[in-house]
Protein backbone atom coordinates (compact mmCIF):
# COMPACT_ATOMS: atom_id res chain seq x y z
CA MET A 1 0.06 -0.06 0.04
CA LYS A 2 3.03 2.31 1.10
CA LYS A 3 4.48 1.53 -2.64
CA ARG A 4 0.79 2.54 -4.46
CA VAL A 5 0.41 5.87 -2.38
CA LEU A 6 4.30 6.95 -3.32
CA GLY A 7 3.85 5.90 -7.00
CA THR A 8 0.37 8.07 -7.20
CA LEU A 9 2.60 10.95 -5.40
CA LEU A 10 5.14 10.89 -7.68
CA THR A 11 2.98 11.20 -10.73
CA VAL A 12 1.22 13.62 -9.09
CA ALA A 13 4.03 15.62 -9.26
CA MET A 14 4.63 14.69 -13.00
CA LEU A 15 1.33 15.23 -13.87
CA ALA A 16 1.78 19.02 -12.49
CA SER A 17 4.74 19.63 -14.54
CA VAL A 18 4.45 18.30 -17.95
CA LEU A 19 3.84 21.48 -20.52
CA GLN A 20 1.35 19.80 -23.33
CA GLY A 21 -1.41 17.14 -22.61
CA CYS A 22 -0.96 17.46 -26.55
CA GLY A 23 -14.01 8.26 -33.96
CA LYS A 24 -20.71 2.08 -37.68
CA GLN A 25 -20.34 -1.74 -37.99
CA GLY A 26 -22.94 -3.02 -35.23
CA GLY A 27 -22.45 0.39 -33.53
CA ALA A 28 -24.23 1.44 -30.05
CA ASP A 29 -27.19 2.18 -31.68
CA SER A 30 -28.42 -0.53 -33.39
CA VAL A 31 -27.71 -3.24 -31.61
CA ALA A 32 -29.91 -4.89 -29.10
CA ASP A 33 -28.61 -6.70 -25.71
CA ALA A 34 -28.31 -10.66 -27.39
CA GLY A 35 -28.62 -12.37 -23.91
CA SER A 36 -31.78 -9.99 -23.09
CA THR A 37 -34.97 -12.02 -22.15
CA ASP A 38 -38.51 -11.16 -23.28
CA ALA A 39 -39.29 -9.94 -20.08
CA ALA A 40 -36.14 -7.55 -20.17
CA GLN A 41 -37.25 -5.98 -23.44
CA GLU A 42 -40.80 -5.49 -22.48
CA THR A 43 -39.37 -3.91 -19.69
CA GLU A 44 -37.14 -1.34 -22.06
CA ALA A 45 -39.69 -0.61 -24.28
CA ALA A 46 -42.13 0.46 -21.29
CA ASP A 47 -39.63 2.48 -20.35
CA THR A 48 -39.14 3.94 -23.37
CA ALA A 49 -42.82 4.46 -24.05
CA ASP A 50 -42.19 6.15 -20.06
CA ALA A 51 -39.82 8.59 -21.39
CA GLY A 52 -41.51 9.54 -24.48
CA ASP A 53 -44.54 10.36 -21.95
CA ARG A 54 -42.56 12.52 -19.95
CA GLY A 55 -41.53 15.17 -22.38
CA GLU A 56 -38.10 16.49 -22.41
CA PRO A 57 -35.23 16.44 -19.54
CA THR A 58 -34.31 19.15 -17.62
CA LEU A 59 -30.54 20.55 -19.30
CA THR A 60 -28.35 22.66 -17.41
CA THR A 61 -24.95 23.97 -18.09
CA ASP A 62 -23.94 21.01 -15.36
CA GLY A 63 -26.47 18.21 -16.30
CA VAL A 64 -29.33 16.41 -17.83
CA GLY A 65 -31.66 14.16 -16.54
CA TYR A 66 -35.22 14.13 -15.27
CA ASP A 67 -35.98 15.10 -11.85
CA ASP A 68 -37.40 12.07 -10.70
CA ALA A 69 -34.22 10.13 -11.86
CA THR A 70 -32.74 7.42 -9.24
CA ILE A 71 -29.55 7.17 -10.59
CA GLU A 72 -26.66 9.77 -10.91
CA ILE A 73 -24.04 9.55 -13.10
CA THR A 74 -20.82 11.97 -12.41
CA TRP A 75 -18.81 12.83 -15.77
CA LEU A 76 -15.81 14.42 -16.13
CA ALA A 77 -15.64 15.98 -19.86
CA GLN A 78 -13.34 17.76 -21.69
CA GLU A 79 -15.64 20.22 -22.75
CA GLY A 80 -19.31 21.25 -20.87
CA PHE A 81 -22.35 21.83 -22.54
CA ASP A 82 -22.04 25.70 -22.58
CA SER A 83 -18.22 25.34 -24.42
CA ALA A 84 -17.15 27.95 -26.56
CA ASN A 85 -16.77 25.33 -29.38
CA GLN A 86 -20.44 25.11 -30.14
CA PRO A 87 -20.33 21.92 -32.50
CA VAL A 88 -19.25 19.95 -29.76
CA ALA A 89 -21.41 21.76 -26.79
CA GLU A 90 -24.72 20.69 -29.25
CA TRP A 91 -23.22 17.57 -30.19
CA GLN A 92 -22.32 16.60 -26.30
CA LYS A 93 -26.18 17.94 -25.68
CA GLU A 94 -27.86 16.59 -28.47
CA ARG A 95 -26.41 12.99 -27.38
CA ALA A 96 -26.66 13.11 -23.80
CA ILE A 97 -30.56 14.21 -24.08
CA LYS A 98 -30.76 11.41 -25.94
CA PHE A 99 -29.46 9.03 -23.99
CA VAL A 100 -31.15 9.90 -20.63
CA LYS A 101 -34.64 9.63 -22.79
CA GLU A 102 -33.45 6.15 -23.04
CA HIS A 103 -32.44 5.76 -19.58
CA PRO A 104 -35.23 7.81 -18.04
CA GLU A 105 -33.37 6.62 -14.45
CA VAL A 106 -30.18 8.42 -15.31
CA ARG A 107 -29.32 11.72 -14.37
CA ILE A 108 -26.05 12.94 -15.78
CA THR A 109 -23.95 15.50 -13.70
CA LEU A 110 -21.37 17.08 -15.76
CA THR A 111 -18.09 18.75 -15.04
CA ALA A 112 -15.63 20.21 -17.57
CA SER A 113 -11.89 19.33 -16.83
CA GLY A 114 -11.18 22.82 -18.35
CA THR A 115 -7.92 23.92 -20.37
CA GLN A 116 -5.47 23.48 -17.55
CA ILE A 117 -5.17 19.97 -18.74
CA ASN A 118 -2.09 19.12 -16.41
CA ASP A 119 -4.19 20.43 -13.54
CA ALA A 120 -7.07 18.59 -14.20
CA MET A 121 -5.20 14.74 -14.65
CA ALA A 122 -3.30 15.69 -11.44
CA LYS A 123 -6.67 16.46 -9.27
CA LEU A 124 -8.29 13.46 -10.99
CA LEU A 125 -5.63 11.02 -10.12
CA THR A 126 -5.72 12.17 -6.61
CA GLN A 127 -9.48 11.81 -6.82
CA ALA A 128 -9.09 8.40 -8.27
CA ALA A 129 -6.19 6.94 -5.31
CA ASN A 130 -8.66 8.34 -2.38
CA GLY A 131 -12.04 6.50 -4.11
CA THR A 132 -13.52 9.99 -5.21
CA ALA A 133 -13.48 10.28 -8.70
CA PRO A 134 -16.07 10.61 -11.17
CA ASP A 135 -18.10 7.71 -12.21
CA VAL A 136 -16.64 8.39 -15.92
CA ALA A 137 -13.76 11.05 -17.01
CA CYS A 138 -11.76 11.65 -19.72
CA VAL A 139 -8.29 10.87 -19.47
CA ASP A 140 -5.53 12.56 -21.75
CA SER A 141 -4.05 9.14 -23.40
CA PHE A 142 -0.47 10.51 -22.31
CA PHE A 143 -1.19 9.93 -18.76
CA LEU A 144 -3.65 7.37 -18.90
CA PRO A 145 -1.15 4.24 -17.85
CA GLN A 146 -1.05 6.08 -14.12
CA TYR A 147 -4.93 5.36 -14.01
CA TYR A 148 -5.13 1.94 -14.41
CA ASP A 149 -5.25 0.44 -10.90
CA TYR A 150 -8.27 2.39 -10.67
CA LEU A 151 -10.16 2.23 -14.10
CA GLN A 152 -13.20 -0.57 -14.05
CA PRO A 153 -12.82 -2.97 -17.33
CA ILE A 154 -15.72 -2.57 -20.12
CA GLY A 155 -14.47 -4.60 -22.75
CA ASP A 156 -18.19 -6.63 -21.99
CA VAL A 157 -19.47 -3.61 -22.60
CA LEU A 158 -17.90 -2.94 -25.92
CA GLU A 159 -18.58 -6.36 -26.65
CA LYS A 160 -22.44 -5.88 -26.44
CA ASN A 161 -22.10 -3.09 -28.83
CA ASN A 162 -20.45 -4.95 -31.30
CA ILE A 163 -17.25 -2.78 -31.27
CA PRO A 164 -14.08 -4.69 -31.24
CA LEU A 165 -10.62 -3.61 -30.15
CA ASP A 166 -9.11 -4.27 -33.68
CA SER A 167 -11.64 -1.42 -35.01
CA TRP A 168 -8.58 1.21 -33.15
CA PHE A 169 -4.90 1.97 -34.49
CA PRO A 170 -2.47 -0.35 -32.93
CA PHE A 171 -1.14 2.24 -30.76
CA ALA A 172 -4.30 2.78 -29.41
CA GLN A 173 -5.53 -1.20 -28.70
CA SER A 174 -2.14 -1.76 -26.76
CA MET A 175 -3.43 1.23 -24.58
CA MET A 176 -6.55 0.36 -23.83
CA LYS A 177 -6.09 -3.11 -23.32
CA PRO A 178 -3.02 -3.13 -21.10
CA GLU A 179 -3.02 -6.68 -20.18
CA ASP A 180 -6.21 -9.01 -19.73
CA GLU A 181 -9.05 -6.37 -19.27
CA VAL A 182 -9.95 -3.36 -22.06
CA LEU A 183 -9.90 -0.20 -19.34
CA ALA A 184 -10.43 2.77 -21.57
CA MET A 185 -12.18 3.73 -24.92
CA TRP A 186 -9.65 6.11 -27.07
CA TYR A 187 -12.26 8.83 -28.94
CA ASP A 188 -9.74 10.82 -30.74
CA THR A 189 -6.70 11.64 -32.06
CA ASP A 190 -3.42 13.32 -33.49
CA VAL A 191 -0.37 12.89 -35.76
CA ARG A 192 3.05 14.15 -36.78
CA ALA A 193 3.64 13.76 -40.27
CA LEU A 194 6.01 15.27 -43.17
CA TYR A 195 4.71 17.79 -45.43
CA TYR A 196 5.86 18.59 -48.62
CA ARG A 197 5.11 21.46 -51.80
CA LYS A 198 3.91 18.74 -54.51
CA ASP A 199 4.91 21.10 -56.87
CA LEU A 200 8.66 21.06 -55.28
CA VAL A 201 9.42 17.42 -54.28
CA GLU A 202 7.98 15.10 -57.03
CA THR A 203 8.81 12.05 -54.98
CA PRO A 204 8.88 12.65 -50.91
CA PRO A 205 11.84 11.35 -49.43
CA LYS A 206 11.17 8.51 -47.13
CA THR A 207 14.89 8.09 -45.40
CA TRP A 208 17.17 11.22 -44.22
CA ASP A 209 19.26 10.23 -47.11
CA GLU A 210 16.77 11.26 -49.56
CA LEU A 211 15.79 14.07 -47.41
CA PHE A 212 18.94 15.69 -48.08
CA ALA A 213 19.54 14.75 -51.51
CA VAL A 214 15.80 16.28 -52.48
CA MET A 215 16.37 19.85 -50.10
CA GLU A 216 19.78 20.30 -51.52
CA PRO A 217 18.81 21.90 -54.67
CA LEU A 218 15.92 23.34 -53.28
CA LYS A 219 17.93 25.15 -50.49
CA GLU A 220 19.92 26.96 -53.33
CA GLU A 221 16.60 28.41 -54.57
CA GLY A 222 15.59 29.55 -51.00
CA TYR A 223 13.62 26.98 -49.38
CA SER A 224 13.82 25.58 -46.55
CA PHE A 225 12.96 22.11 -44.02
CA LEU A 226 11.33 23.46 -41.06
CA TYR A 227 10.68 21.61 -37.46
CA PRO A 228 10.07 22.95 -33.80
CA ALA A 229 12.92 23.00 -31.44
CA GLY A 230 12.04 25.46 -29.00
CA LYS A 231 11.77 24.40 -25.36
CA ASN A 232 8.31 23.14 -25.59
CA GLU A 233 6.79 19.77 -25.25
CA THR A 234 6.00 19.81 -28.88
CA THR A 235 9.81 19.59 -29.93
CA SER A 236 9.78 16.42 -28.01
CA CYS A 237 6.45 15.12 -30.00
CA ASP A 238 7.84 16.22 -33.10
CA ILE A 239 11.50 14.82 -32.81
CA LEU A 240 11.24 11.88 -31.14
CA PRO A 241 9.96 9.67 -33.70
CA TRP A 242 13.15 9.42 -35.48
CA PHE A 243 14.93 7.95 -32.20
CA TRP A 244 11.75 5.45 -32.26
CA GLY A 245 12.36 4.82 -35.86
CA GLN A 246 15.79 3.16 -35.01
CA GLY A 247 14.19 1.35 -32.56
CA GLY A 248 15.50 3.50 -29.53
CA GLU A 249 13.57 3.00 -26.33
CA ILE A 250 14.12 5.74 -23.31
CA PHE A 251 13.24 3.87 -20.63
CA ASP A 252 12.60 -0.06 -19.52
CA ASP A 253 9.59 -1.23 -18.21
CA SER A 254 10.26 -0.06 -14.16
CA GLY A 255 11.35 3.21 -15.48
CA LYS A 256 14.93 3.36 -15.68
CA PRO A 257 16.63 5.55 -18.14
CA ILE A 258 18.26 3.92 -20.74
CA PHE A 259 18.55 6.09 -23.74
CA ASN A 260 22.30 6.41 -22.94
CA GLU A 261 23.33 2.81 -22.81
CA GLY A 262 24.06 0.65 -26.36
CA ALA A 263 21.66 0.54 -29.33
CA ASN A 264 19.67 3.40 -27.50
CA LYS A 265 22.54 5.23 -27.13
CA GLU A 266 23.49 5.32 -30.62
CA ALA A 267 20.09 5.93 -31.86
CA MET A 268 20.20 9.10 -29.97
CA LEU A 269 23.62 10.31 -31.34
CA ASN A 270 22.26 9.55 -34.76
CA THR A 271 18.81 11.84 -34.22
CA PHE A 272 21.57 14.27 -32.72
CA ASP A 273 23.64 13.97 -35.48
CA PHE A 274 20.83 14.16 -38.23
CA LEU A 275 19.66 17.61 -36.84
CA LYS A 276 23.03 19.00 -36.68
CA LYS A 277 23.72 18.25 -40.23
CA THR A 278 20.27 20.27 -41.05
CA ILE A 279 21.67 22.67 -39.67
CA ASP A 280 25.37 22.64 -41.18
CA THR A 281 24.01 21.72 -45.05
CA GLY A 282 21.82 25.07 -44.94
CA ILE A 283 18.20 23.21 -45.12
CA THR A 284 16.91 24.06 -42.09
CA PRO A 285 17.46 27.69 -40.11
CA GLN A 286 19.37 27.55 -36.65
CA ARG A 287 16.10 29.78 -35.51
CA VAL A 288 14.30 26.43 -35.29
CA THR A 289 14.85 26.75 -31.65
CA SER A 290 12.61 29.81 -31.32
CA PHE A 291 9.40 27.55 -32.98
CA MET A 292 8.12 26.46 -28.97
CA THR A 293 4.66 25.30 -31.18
CA ASP A 294 3.85 24.02 -34.53
CA GLY A 295 1.27 27.34 -35.25
CA ASP A 296 5.21 28.99 -35.05
CA MET A 297 6.21 27.84 -38.20
CA ILE A 298 3.09 28.84 -39.98
CA GLU A 299 4.29 32.30 -41.19
CA ASP A 300 7.30 30.75 -42.83
CA ILE A 301 4.82 28.29 -44.46
CA ALA A 302 2.77 31.04 -45.68
CA SER A 303 5.47 32.76 -46.94
CA GLY A 304 5.80 29.93 -49.93
CA LYS A 305 9.69 29.57 -49.32
CA VAL A 306 9.25 25.71 -46.88
CA ALA A 307 9.41 23.01 -49.00
CA MET A 308 8.97 20.22 -46.58
CA PHE A 309 8.33 20.60 -42.89
CA VAL A 310 7.33 17.80 -39.72
CA GLY A 311 4.29 18.91 -37.33
CA GLY A 312 0.91 17.77 -35.61
CA SER A 313 -1.94 16.59 -38.09
CA TRP A 314 -3.72 20.29 -37.05
CA LEU A 315 -1.75 21.88 -39.46
CA ALA A 316 -3.37 20.63 -42.41
CA THR A 317 -6.12 22.80 -41.09
CA GLN A 318 -4.23 25.70 -39.61
CA VAL A 319 -2.06 26.38 -42.55
CA GLY A 320 -5.34 25.60 -44.82
CA ALA A 321 -7.27 28.54 -42.48
CA VAL A 322 -4.24 30.95 -43.58
CA ILE A 323 -3.44 30.29 -47.85
CA GLY A 324 -6.76 28.87 -47.99
CA GLN A 325 -7.41 25.06 -48.04
CA ASP A 326 -8.55 24.02 -51.27
CA ALA A 327 -5.24 25.78 -51.88
CA PHE A 328 -3.35 23.59 -49.09
CA ASN A 329 -4.66 20.83 -50.22
CA GLU A 330 -3.42 20.99 -53.68
CA MET A 331 -0.18 22.21 -53.01
CA TYR A 332 0.86 19.53 -49.94
CA GLY A 333 0.79 16.40 -49.51
CA ILE A 334 1.47 13.93 -46.42
CA VAL A 335 3.47 11.00 -45.73
CA ASP A 336 5.40 9.33 -42.71
CA VAL A 337 8.22 11.65 -41.28
CA PRO A 338 11.42 10.31 -42.67
CA TYR A 339 13.96 7.77 -40.67
CA MET A 340 17.29 6.75 -40.61
CA GLU A 341 18.77 4.29 -43.36
CA GLY A 342 18.14 0.41 -41.82
CA GLY A 343 15.18 1.66 -39.20
CA ALA A 344 11.53 2.06 -39.88
CA PRO A 345 8.56 4.97 -39.85
CA SER A 346 7.57 6.17 -36.66
CA THR A 347 5.54 8.89 -35.18
CA CYS A 348 3.87 10.14 -31.89
CA CYS A 349 0.20 9.67 -31.94
CA GLY A 350 -1.73 11.94 -29.11
CA GLY A 351 -5.41 12.19 -27.55
CA TRP A 352 -7.94 11.75 -25.79
CA THR A 353 -9.60 8.34 -23.91
CA TYR A 354 -12.68 7.53 -21.40
CA GLY A 355 -12.39 5.37 -18.34
CA VAL A 356 -14.90 4.31 -15.84
CA PHE A 357 -13.91 4.75 -12.47
CA THR A 358 -17.42 3.60 -10.40
CA LYS A 359 -17.45 0.09 -8.91
CA ASP A 360 -21.31 -0.17 -9.04
CA GLU A 361 -21.97 -2.55 -11.59
CA THR A 362 -24.83 -0.74 -12.83
CA LYS A 363 -23.62 2.48 -12.89
CA ARG A 364 -20.27 0.92 -14.70
CA GLU A 365 -22.37 -0.50 -17.52
CA LEU A 366 -24.53 2.87 -18.10
CA ALA A 367 -21.34 4.95 -17.70
CA ALA A 368 -19.73 3.16 -20.38
CA GLN A 369 -22.99 3.05 -22.62
CA PHE A 370 -23.09 6.20 -22.23
CA VAL A 371 -19.68 7.30 -23.57
CA ILE A 372 -20.26 4.58 -26.29
CA ASP A 373 -23.02 6.59 -27.26
CA LEU A 374 -21.68 10.27 -27.11
CA TYR A 375 -17.78 9.20 -28.96
CA ILE A 376 -17.03 5.39 -29.25
CA GLY A 377 -19.82 4.16 -31.67
CA ASP A 378 -20.13 4.60 -35.09
CA GLU A 379 -22.20 7.33 -35.02
CA GLY A 380 -20.75 8.49 -32.25
CA ASN A 381 -17.31 8.38 -33.25
CA VAL A 382 -18.22 10.07 -36.69
CA GLY A 383 -20.05 12.67 -35.13
CA TYR A 384 -17.77 13.72 -31.90
CA THR A 385 -14.62 14.03 -34.10
CA SER A 386 -17.01 15.83 -37.24
CA ALA A 387 -17.91 18.46 -34.61
CA SER A 388 -14.58 18.84 -32.50
CA GLY A 389 -12.20 19.06 -36.16
CA ASN A 390 -10.14 16.06 -34.62
CA LEU A 391 -9.41 12.66 -35.86
CA PRO A 392 -11.02 9.20 -35.39
CA CYS A 393 -8.20 6.87 -33.46
CA ARG A 394 -11.04 3.92 -34.58
CA GLU A 395 -9.89 3.30 -38.18
CA THR A 396 -13.29 1.96 -39.41
CA SER A 397 -14.69 5.50 -38.46
CA TYR A 398 -12.78 6.81 -41.43
CA ASP A 399 -15.08 4.62 -44.04
CA LEU A 400 -18.27 5.98 -42.60
CA SER A 401 -17.86 9.17 -43.18
CA ASP A 402 -17.46 11.61 -46.67
CA ARG A 403 -15.75 14.30 -44.04
CA PHE A 404 -13.09 11.40 -43.73
CA LYS A 405 -13.74 9.18 -47.22
CA ASP A 406 -13.12 12.34 -49.51
CA ASP A 407 -10.42 14.05 -47.49
CA PRO A 408 -7.05 13.43 -49.09
CA ASN A 409 -5.63 14.72 -45.56
CA ALA A 410 -7.52 12.56 -43.45
CA LEU A 411 -6.41 9.31 -45.69
CA ALA A 412 -2.95 10.13 -45.66
CA PHE A 413 -3.35 10.53 -41.74
CA ARG A 414 -4.95 7.31 -41.31
CA GLU A 415 -1.89 5.31 -43.13
CA ILE A 416 0.86 7.49 -40.87
CA PHE A 417 -1.42 6.02 -37.68
CA GLN A 418 -0.28 2.87 -38.47
CA ASN A 419 2.98 3.60 -36.86
CA GLY A 420 2.31 5.22 -34.33
CA HIS A 421 4.16 5.56 -30.66
CA VAL A 422 2.98 6.90 -27.57
CA ARG A 423 5.32 8.99 -25.08
CA PRO A 424 6.28 6.78 -22.27
CA ALA A 425 4.08 7.55 -19.27
CA LYS A 426 7.08 7.47 -16.61
CA THR A 427 7.58 9.55 -13.55
CA LEU A 428 10.69 10.68 -15.19
CA TYR A 429 9.48 11.61 -18.67
CA THR A 430 8.31 14.77 -17.77
CA TYR A 431 12.65 15.44 -16.34
CA PHE A 432 13.45 13.62 -19.69
CA SER A 433 11.93 15.36 -22.11
CA ASN A 434 12.77 18.84 -20.74
CA GLU A 435 16.68 17.87 -21.05
CA PHE A 436 16.02 16.64 -24.38
CA GLN A 437 14.73 20.08 -25.37
CA VAL A 438 17.99 21.52 -24.01
CA ALA A 439 20.46 19.16 -25.51
CA LEU A 440 18.58 19.58 -28.93
CA ALA A 441 19.12 23.64 -28.64
CA ASP A 442 22.81 23.08 -27.85
CA VAL A 443 23.11 20.50 -30.57
CA ILE A 444 21.68 23.30 -33.15
CA ASN A 445 22.81 26.22 -32.17
CA GLY A 446 26.24 24.47 -32.25
CA SER A 447 27.26 25.15 -28.34
CA LYS A 448 27.84 21.37 -27.89
CA THR A 449 28.82 18.33 -29.87
CA PRO A 450 25.95 15.33 -30.11
CA GLN A 451 28.37 13.58 -27.79
CA GLU A 452 28.70 16.53 -25.00
CA ALA A 453 24.91 17.09 -25.30
CA LEU A 454 24.25 13.68 -24.66
CA ASP A 455 26.63 13.56 -21.91
CA VAL A 456 25.35 16.11 -19.67
CA MET A 457 21.51 15.18 -20.80
CA ALA A 458 22.01 11.56 -19.10
CA ALA A 459 24.01 12.78 -16.37
CA ASN A 460 21.35 14.98 -15.57
CA VAL A 461 18.26 12.67 -16.12
CA ASP A 462 20.71 9.56 -14.02
CA ALA A 463 20.82 12.11 -11.24
CA GLU A 464 17.42 12.92 -11.09
CA TYR A 465 16.20 9.16 -11.16
CA ALA A 466 19.02 8.79 -8.28
CA LYS A 467 16.88 10.79 -6.20
CA GLN A 468 13.39 8.71 -6.62
């Protein structure tokens, strides 16, 4: 018990300091429980009739339900019914009202986590450890493993709704089902990619050598290759794929840092060498260390002098908003981040999940069904991600909506998701990431050689690990 409490306290400290928290085959609306008896079906029909006679449930900014509901489900969502994001607010209200009409015995009580993601996740973890967590809550995918001890299995509810685990992308499957039970439902995601100008780059580079070969003549015409390298979590998310693509690992299963050992050390040095070469050859300006977020590159991109850049999936719409979405779609292609020769494509994925914390069996099933109806089932996943502008991480969702089927950018991201990785949710990750960003800046600015930067980085991370 002491070990568990200590682990929770360390994790809460980690959550408070992280810089960034960074989608119907047989869906919920069309499937009846095959195991229901005739009597149960008659009761369900009666409940539906009663709900129809009741009229509309009471809707407020902090909940929805009939006044005589006997079951309360507490719900922590990313955004509330009064969200400034009107499409999301309307989608959640519409689906929540539909749910309580179908389950008139239930009242949903809503709390929004707000924009301070790290504070919200730290608070939720403390509540989970104390047994006071909401019945169902959104969990930033990066932090999901910290909640495994407190989440209730929901695989049976997914099965009743004919939603198979393999309808999600591989990176999400392994996180949702860490061992024998499905403990969470991933509902939206993002990914890092290489964007390239189709009028300048006939064949997009797959490897680092090909990248330099393509950029060398373009550099002479004033074009550049960009990536964020400022001291921000964005940098780690965008650059770690080059390390992972070589099979590099940051920690072992126990959380011990191993990035400075054996093949991992070689992969880290290769990554630093690659970044140094982008500067030394002139294809990338040193001022990339001033790009704290992907959005900081947009002014350069809009100038027309950027041939290729690495960044998150949201850039497809953010740059499109500046130069026109049709113009963006015509001008840019989207592919895997280039990798070192002998390696493999890799990318960093983020997004959000939902988990059920209540141990009450009736509420557990109802809470899981509520999330499925709003976010996970075929209709819910397509509807929510369309409203939010995010990407589904259920791969099957891409075949169900014209928004995804006819969008070349969404289809490109769908392929890139196959090589997705997530940042390791280890207590020391935040410290590692900060040191990684410092080391990258030192290499890019030329104040340290790759070996010197790695030596300092490793010494600092090892010293921090020794304090644990």
